[in-house]
Amino acid sequence: MAYRKYVRTLFAPVLITLVAASFLHAAAQAAPDDRKQIIPALLHREHVASVSFAQIAGGETVLAEAYGEQSPGVAVSTATLYNIASMSKPISAEVLLRLASAGKLSLDEPMYKYWADPDVAADPKAKLLTPRLALDHQTGFANWRRETGGKLAFTRDPGTGFGYSGEGYQYVARFAEKRTGKPFESLAQDLIFDPSGMTRTAYTQRPWMEGNIAQPTDKDGQWLKPVLATQFIAADLVYTTPTQYASFVESLMRGAGETAAIRKLRESVLTDRKAELCVGKLAKACPDEVGFGPGWEVVKTHGKTFLMHTGLDEGVFTLGYFDPGSRAGVIFFTNSANGPRVILPILKLLDADPNFIAYLEAQV
């Protein structure tokens, strides 16, 4: 199947155009018990079919709720499966990090010795590619090869700058297969899903998904057909629930299957984007550091480190963040192009970390 294009990695541009100021005020003033009245009204106002979320505190999931419809006339539940779009990337990145922790590969070894895509195999730049560069979005590839005439091609030299790339993630996943001799989905199952109890999470279509999927909706609320993969895409189209994804995040907080060095690496800004992002109004509230680590966007501000990622496919918006220091965070999935409109109000209802909220609000 054709790869899906992930339009943007950062939350700010969507937030600027979509956030509902009146509901931000209402949510900030509301008691937690009022969310069962506020959230349905918010969804109705903003034409969002459903939202499902899980909140983590003290390293454990303490709250899971779902509101709205997963499909016409069918109420959503916390067991409803969502296409998490580019929030698939942190899972795929963690497969590589755990393989590196186990000594099965090095994040800095040349990938061409085991895998080179036929489109670039003859290009000397392919010899420069390493797993680290792929996970940090520095391969030099476009997001998807359809942007370069249907063939994979370098748009810059590897390691010379940021370039968000789903192709880079697919490339490093193929390398992991060749390096270990195991299918990537099997690696994810063995290293991530089984240890974390993620029994309802998969890269490709499964029989148990039937009747349990959150059907996407466009900005006008029209129902769209769900897209499911028949072959894995490391950067997109994983289906799961917020509570399952929260279990994955909990495992990261524990450092499961990782060395201390790998855990530290994941929380580091390896692709610095501060100069690029801290312009205009954002410059007044710029984080100390902001950019990408392996798999996650990393934001360091007010003495805290936040790891976050968003996902955007047609009729889908997702967002997740966590603070490894306080071991707290929230996972949001929506089946709506308007999903960004409801994130900040619900974060305030959940009394989420004020420093993370301030980071998002500074971008409005």
Protein backbone atom coordinates (compact mmCIF):
# COMPACT_ATOMS: atom_id res chain seq x y z
CA MET A 1 0.00 0.00 0.00
CA ALA A 2 1.13 3.59 -0.49
CA TYR A 3 2.83 5.31 2.40
CA ARG A 4 0.85 7.95 4.22
CA LYS A 5 2.24 11.45 4.46
CA TYR A 6 2.71 12.87 7.92
CA VAL A 7 2.25 16.57 7.36
CA ARG A 8 3.84 18.07 10.50
CA THR A 9 5.66 16.84 13.57
CA LEU A 10 5.16 19.76 15.90
CA PHE A 11 1.94 20.70 17.62
CA ALA A 12 2.37 24.48 17.41
CA PRO A 13 1.27 25.25 13.83
CA VAL A 14 -1.98 23.31 14.23
CA LEU A 15 -2.57 24.80 17.65
CA ILE A 16 -2.19 28.34 16.38
CA THR A 17 -5.07 27.99 13.96
CA LEU A 18 -7.38 25.63 15.80
CA VAL A 19 -7.37 26.18 19.55
CA ALA A 20 -10.69 27.36 21.04
CA ALA A 21 -9.98 30.18 23.48
CA SER A 22 -13.39 30.17 25.16
CA PHE A 23 -13.10 26.52 26.06
CA LEU A 24 -9.55 27.03 27.32
CA HIS A 25 -10.95 29.47 29.87
CA ALA A 26 -13.86 27.20 30.80
CA ALA A 27 -11.62 24.18 31.23
CA ALA A 28 -9.18 26.10 33.41
CA GLN A 29 -12.01 27.01 35.77
CA ALA A 30 -13.72 23.62 35.86
CA ALA A 31 -13.45 21.01 38.60
CA PRO A 32 -12.31 17.54 37.45
CA ASP A 33 -15.77 16.09 38.10
CA ASP A 34 -17.17 18.45 35.47
CA ARG A 35 -15.26 16.93 32.57
CA LYS A 36 -18.14 14.57 31.77
CA GLN A 37 -20.19 17.63 30.94
CA ILE A 38 -17.46 19.83 29.48
CA ILE A 39 -15.77 17.33 27.16
CA PRO A 40 -18.89 16.20 25.25
CA ALA A 41 -19.84 19.85 24.76
CA LEU A 42 -16.30 20.61 23.61
CA LEU A 43 -16.38 17.76 21.08
CA HIS A 44 -19.73 18.96 19.74
CA ARG A 45 -18.57 22.55 19.44
CA GLU A 46 -15.33 21.69 17.67
CA HIS A 47 -16.76 18.94 15.42
CA VAL A 48 -14.52 16.23 16.89
CA ALA A 49 -16.03 12.75 16.66
CA SER A 50 -14.23 11.32 19.69
CA VAL A 51 -11.33 11.64 22.06
CA SER A 52 -9.78 8.89 24.16
CA PHE A 53 -7.03 9.58 26.67
CA ALA A 54 -4.95 8.00 29.40
CA GLN A 55 -3.18 9.89 32.17
CA ILE A 56 0.00 8.66 33.86
CA ALA A 57 1.09 9.76 37.33
CA GLY A 58 3.85 8.27 39.45
CA GLY A 59 4.77 5.95 36.60
CA GLU A 60 1.32 4.32 36.46
CA THR A 61 -1.85 4.90 34.45
CA VAL A 62 -4.31 6.50 36.85
CA LEU A 63 -7.11 7.55 34.48
CA ALA A 64 -8.55 6.37 31.18
CA GLU A 65 -11.64 7.89 29.59
CA ALA A 66 -13.25 8.11 26.17
CA TYR A 67 -15.95 10.41 24.79
CA GLY A 68 -17.85 10.58 21.52
CA GLU A 69 -18.39 8.11 18.69
CA GLN A 70 -15.97 5.65 17.12
CA SER A 71 -18.26 5.32 14.09
CA PRO A 72 -21.76 6.54 13.18
CA GLY A 73 -24.04 5.76 16.12
CA VAL A 74 -21.43 3.66 17.94
CA ALA A 75 -20.09 5.04 21.21
CA VAL A 76 -16.34 5.08 21.72
CA SER A 77 -14.80 3.22 24.66
CA THR A 78 -11.36 3.00 26.21
CA ALA A 79 -10.94 -0.24 24.23
CA THR A 80 -11.52 1.48 20.86
CA LEU A 81 -8.51 1.23 18.55
CA TYR A 82 -7.07 4.33 16.91
CA ASN A 83 -4.65 4.86 14.07
CA ILE A 84 -1.93 6.70 15.98
CA ALA A 85 -0.25 8.00 12.81
CA SER A 86 3.28 9.26 13.53
CA MET A 87 3.11 8.30 17.18
CA SER A 88 4.14 4.96 15.69
CA LYS A 89 7.68 6.33 15.39
CA PRO A 90 8.59 6.27 19.10
CA ILE A 91 7.62 2.58 19.22
CA SER A 92 9.78 1.79 16.20
CA ALA A 93 12.65 3.83 17.60
CA GLU A 94 12.46 1.90 20.86
CA VAL A 95 12.92 -1.37 18.98
CA LEU A 96 16.31 -0.07 17.81
CA LEU A 97 17.20 1.31 21.23
CA ARG A 98 16.52 -2.00 22.94
CA LEU A 99 18.46 -3.91 20.30
CA ALA A 100 21.37 -1.52 20.90
CA SER A 101 21.04 -1.98 24.66
CA ALA A 102 21.29 -5.74 24.16
CA GLY A 103 24.40 -5.38 22.02
CA LYS A 104 22.60 -6.67 18.91
CA LEU A 105 23.58 -3.58 16.91
CA SER A 106 25.23 -0.19 17.30
CA LEU A 107 23.41 3.09 16.74
CA ASP A 108 26.52 4.41 14.99
CA GLU A 109 27.36 1.53 12.68
CA PRO A 110 27.01 2.03 8.91
CA MET A 111 23.75 0.50 7.76
CA TYR A 112 24.88 -0.19 4.19
CA LYS A 113 26.77 -3.30 5.30
CA TYR A 114 23.43 -4.96 5.97
CA TRP A 115 20.85 -2.89 4.10
CA ALA A 116 20.77 -0.29 1.37
CA ASP A 117 17.58 0.62 -0.43
CA PRO A 118 17.98 -0.21 -4.14
CA ASP A 119 17.14 3.40 -5.04
CA VAL A 120 20.22 4.74 -3.24
CA ALA A 121 22.54 1.71 -3.10
CA ALA A 122 24.90 3.20 -5.68
CA ASP A 123 24.97 6.63 -4.04
CA PRO A 124 28.07 7.17 -1.82
CA LYS A 125 25.86 9.03 0.66
CA ALA A 126 24.21 5.71 1.58
CA LYS A 127 27.46 4.68 3.28
CA LEU A 128 27.05 7.57 5.71
CA LEU A 129 23.70 6.42 7.06
CA THR A 130 23.54 5.10 10.63
CA PRO A 131 20.61 4.12 12.87
CA ARG A 132 21.21 7.23 14.99
CA LEU A 133 20.82 9.55 11.99
CA ALA A 134 17.60 7.82 10.97
CA LEU A 135 16.08 8.05 14.45
CA ASP A 136 17.09 11.73 14.79
CA HIS A 137 15.68 12.70 11.35
CA GLN A 138 19.03 13.46 9.76
CA THR A 139 19.11 10.94 6.90
CA GLY A 140 18.76 13.59 4.21
CA PHE A 141 15.65 11.88 2.82
CA ALA A 142 12.35 13.63 2.18
CA ASN A 143 9.40 12.58 4.35
CA TRP A 144 8.18 10.13 1.69
CA ARG A 145 9.71 9.06 -1.61
CA ARG A 146 6.67 10.22 -3.54
CA GLU A 147 8.02 13.71 -2.85
CA THR A 148 11.15 12.84 -4.86
CA GLY A 149 9.52 11.39 -7.96
CA GLY A 150 8.52 8.06 -6.45
CA LYS A 151 12.10 7.00 -5.77
CA LEU A 152 14.09 7.33 -2.58
CA ALA A 153 16.66 10.09 -2.97
CA PHE A 154 18.87 12.30 -0.84
CA THR A 155 17.82 15.93 -0.60
CA ARG A 156 20.89 16.78 1.53
CA ASP A 157 23.94 15.02 2.87
CA PRO A 158 23.21 12.72 5.83
CA GLY A 159 23.99 14.26 9.21
CA THR A 160 23.95 17.87 8.01
CA GLY A 161 20.56 19.00 9.24
CA PHE A 162 17.01 18.21 10.31
CA GLY A 163 14.62 16.73 7.78
CA TYR A 164 11.57 14.94 9.16
CA SER A 165 11.42 11.61 7.36
CA GLY A 166 9.13 8.62 7.54
CA GLU A 167 11.37 7.05 4.92
CA GLY A 168 14.25 7.28 7.37
CA TYR A 169 12.29 5.22 9.88
CA GLN A 170 11.35 2.63 7.29
CA TYR A 171 14.98 2.46 6.24
CA VAL A 172 16.30 1.81 9.76
CA ALA A 173 13.56 -0.77 10.35
CA ARG A 174 14.68 -2.67 7.24
CA PHE A 175 18.24 -2.48 8.54
CA ALA A 176 17.11 -3.97 11.87
CA GLU A 177 15.51 -6.87 10.00
CA LYS A 178 18.67 -7.59 8.02
CA ARG A 179 20.92 -7.10 11.03
CA THR A 180 18.98 -9.50 13.27
CA GLY A 181 17.46 -11.86 10.70
CA LYS A 182 13.99 -11.28 12.17
CA PRO A 183 10.90 -9.50 10.77
CA PHE A 184 10.47 -6.04 12.23
CA GLU A 185 6.98 -6.79 13.52
CA SER A 186 8.36 -9.80 15.39
CA LEU A 187 11.06 -7.64 16.92
CA ALA A 188 8.45 -5.13 18.09
CA GLN A 189 6.31 -7.93 19.48
CA ASP A 190 9.19 -9.51 21.40
CA LEU A 191 10.87 -6.33 22.62
CA ILE A 192 7.94 -3.93 23.14
CA PHE A 193 4.44 -5.33 22.92
CA ASP A 194 4.75 -8.56 24.89
CA PRO A 195 6.84 -7.15 27.77
CA SER A 196 4.45 -4.20 28.11
CA GLY A 197 1.26 -6.25 27.90
CA MET A 198 0.24 -4.53 24.66
CA THR A 199 -2.04 -7.28 23.41
CA ARG A 200 -4.16 -4.93 21.29
CA THR A 201 -1.42 -3.14 19.37
CA ALA A 202 -0.21 -3.93 15.86
CA TYR A 203 1.43 -2.44 12.77
CA THR A 204 -0.76 -4.38 10.35
CA GLN A 205 -4.39 -5.43 10.12
CA ARG A 206 -5.59 -8.07 12.59
CA PRO A 207 -8.93 -9.92 12.91
CA TRP A 208 -9.49 -8.45 16.38
CA MET A 209 -9.57 -4.97 14.91
CA GLU A 210 -12.88 -5.63 13.17
CA GLY A 211 -15.65 -3.49 14.66
CA ASN A 212 -13.27 -1.84 17.16
CA ILE A 213 -11.69 0.91 15.08
CA ALA A 214 -12.23 4.65 15.48
CA GLN A 215 -13.33 5.72 12.02
CA PRO A 216 -11.62 8.97 10.93
CA THR A 217 -13.56 12.17 10.22
CA ASP A 218 -12.71 15.28 8.22
CA LYS A 219 -12.92 18.90 9.37
CA ASP A 220 -16.63 18.97 8.50
CA GLY A 221 -17.37 15.85 10.54
CA GLN A 222 -17.81 13.57 7.53
CA TRP A 223 -16.90 9.95 8.18
CA LEU A 224 -13.94 8.55 6.24
CA LYS A 225 -12.74 5.03 5.60
CA PRO A 226 -10.04 3.76 7.99
CA VAL A 227 -6.67 2.94 6.45
CA LEU A 228 -4.99 -0.25 7.63
CA ALA A 229 -1.60 -1.56 6.58
CA THR A 230 -1.05 -5.02 5.14
CA GLN A 231 2.73 -4.56 5.41
CA PHE A 232 4.37 -2.77 8.30
CA ILE A 233 5.22 0.92 8.08
CA ALA A 234 7.63 1.87 10.85
CA ALA A 235 6.52 5.51 10.78
CA ASP A 236 2.74 5.22 10.62
CA LEU A 237 -0.52 3.28 10.95
CA VAL A 238 0.02 1.43 14.22
CA TYR A 239 -3.39 0.80 15.82
CA THR A 240 -3.71 0.76 19.59
CA THR A 241 -5.50 2.40 22.55
CA PRO A 242 -4.31 5.18 24.85
CA THR A 243 -4.02 2.77 27.78
CA GLN A 244 -1.89 0.40 25.70
CA TYR A 245 0.33 3.27 24.60
CA ALA A 246 0.53 4.45 28.20
CA SER A 247 1.86 0.99 29.10
CA PHE A 248 4.59 1.54 26.52
CA VAL A 249 5.43 4.93 28.05
CA GLU A 250 5.49 3.39 31.52
CA SER A 251 8.10 0.93 30.28
CA LEU A 252 10.24 3.86 29.08
CA MET A 253 9.96 5.49 32.49
CA ARG A 254 11.22 2.26 34.07
CA GLY A 255 14.03 1.95 31.54
CA ALA A 256 12.82 -1.53 30.62
CA GLY A 257 15.22 -3.35 28.35
CA GLU A 258 17.60 -0.40 28.19
CA THR A 259 21.02 0.55 29.44
CA ALA A 260 21.39 3.77 31.42
CA ALA A 261 23.31 5.28 28.51
CA ILE A 262 20.50 4.56 26.05
CA ARG A 263 17.91 5.97 28.42
CA LYS A 264 19.95 9.16 28.77
CA LEU A 265 20.33 9.35 25.00
CA ARG A 266 16.58 9.22 24.44
CA GLU A 267 16.14 12.22 26.73
CA SER A 268 18.81 14.26 24.92
CA VAL A 269 18.39 16.81 22.14
CA LEU A 270 20.47 15.32 19.34
CA THR A 271 18.99 17.37 16.49
CA ASP A 272 18.88 20.94 17.80
CA ARG A 273 15.97 23.02 16.48
CA LYS A 274 16.04 25.93 18.92
CA ALA A 275 17.20 28.54 16.40
CA GLU A 276 14.59 27.38 13.91
CA LEU A 277 11.66 27.22 16.30
CA CYS A 278 12.29 30.05 18.76
CA VAL A 279 11.34 32.93 16.50
CA GLY A 280 8.68 35.61 16.78
CA LYS A 281 6.41 35.35 19.80
CA LEU A 282 7.85 31.98 20.81
CA ALA A 283 11.24 33.59 21.37
CA LYS A 284 9.86 35.20 24.55
CA ALA A 285 9.17 31.80 26.10
CA CYS A 286 11.75 29.68 24.36
CA PRO A 287 12.72 26.38 26.04
CA ASP A 288 16.30 25.94 27.16
CA GLU A 289 16.61 23.17 24.56
CA VAL A 290 14.24 21.84 21.92
CA GLY A 291 14.72 19.38 19.10
CA PHE A 292 14.70 15.65 18.44
CA GLY A 293 16.19 12.75 20.28
CA PRO A 294 15.83 9.17 19.05
CA GLY A 295 12.10 8.79 18.49
CA TRP A 296 10.78 11.77 20.43
CA GLU A 297 10.73 15.53 20.29
CA VAL A 298 12.59 16.69 23.40
CA VAL A 299 11.70 19.92 25.21
CA LYS A 300 13.81 21.08 28.15
CA THR A 301 12.30 23.95 30.09
CA HIS A 302 12.08 25.14 33.72
CA GLY A 303 14.40 22.35 34.85
CA LYS A 304 12.18 19.66 33.33
CA THR A 305 12.49 17.39 30.31
CA PHE A 306 9.39 16.59 28.28
CA LEU A 307 9.26 13.98 25.55
CA MET A 308 6.40 14.43 23.13
CA HIS A 309 5.15 13.36 19.73
CA THR A 310 2.14 14.08 17.57
CA GLY A 311 0.45 12.18 14.79
CA LEU A 312 -1.52 13.50 11.83
CA ASP A 313 -3.16 11.44 9.11
CA GLU A 314 -6.31 12.20 7.18
CA GLY A 315 -9.10 12.47 9.76
CA VAL A 316 -6.76 11.62 12.66
CA PHE A 317 -4.84 13.63 15.26
CA THR A 318 -2.89 12.22 18.21
CA LEU A 319 -0.56 13.63 20.85
CA GLY A 320 1.40 12.16 23.72
CA TYR A 321 3.88 13.57 26.18
CA PHE A 322 5.62 12.54 29.37
CA ASP A 323 8.10 13.84 31.91
CA PRO A 324 10.56 11.06 32.80
CA GLY A 325 11.56 12.94 35.95
CA SER A 326 8.13 13.12 37.57
CA ARG A 327 7.00 10.01 35.64
CA ALA A 328 3.81 11.73 34.51
CA GLY A 329 2.16 12.34 31.16
CA VAL A 330 -0.95 12.12 29.00
CA ILE A 331 -1.76 10.20 25.81
CA PHE A 332 -4.48 11.60 23.51
CA PHE A 333 -6.02 9.95 20.46
CA THR A 334 -8.75 11.52 18.30
CA ASN A 335 -10.45 10.40 15.11
CA SER A 336 -10.85 13.90 13.75
CA ALA A 337 -8.99 16.41 11.62
CA ASN A 338 -10.11 18.90 14.27
CA GLY A 339 -8.48 16.93 17.08
CA PRO A 340 -5.95 19.67 17.96
CA ARG A 341 -8.83 21.89 19.05
CA VAL A 342 -9.55 19.83 22.14
CA ILE A 343 -6.08 19.02 23.47
CA LEU A 344 -5.29 22.10 25.57
CA PRO A 345 -8.73 22.33 27.20
CA ILE A 346 -8.55 18.68 28.28
CA LEU A 347 -4.96 19.03 29.49
CA LYS A 348 -6.18 21.79 31.79
CA LEU A 349 -9.10 19.69 32.97
CA LEU A 350 -6.64 16.94 33.86
CA ASP A 351 -4.43 19.38 35.77
CA ALA A 352 -1.51 18.36 33.55
CA ASP A 353 1.98 19.75 34.06
CA PRO A 354 1.73 23.57 33.92
CA ASN A 355 5.18 23.87 32.34
CA PHE A 356 4.16 21.67 29.44
CA ILE A 357 0.88 23.55 29.06
CA ALA A 358 2.82 26.82 29.10
CA TYR A 359 5.11 25.49 26.36
CA LEU A 360 2.09 24.79 24.15
CA GLU A 361 0.33 28.03 25.03
CA ALA A 362 3.43 30.07 24.23
CA GLN A 363 3.02 28.96 20.64
CA VAL A 364 -0.48 30.41 20.31
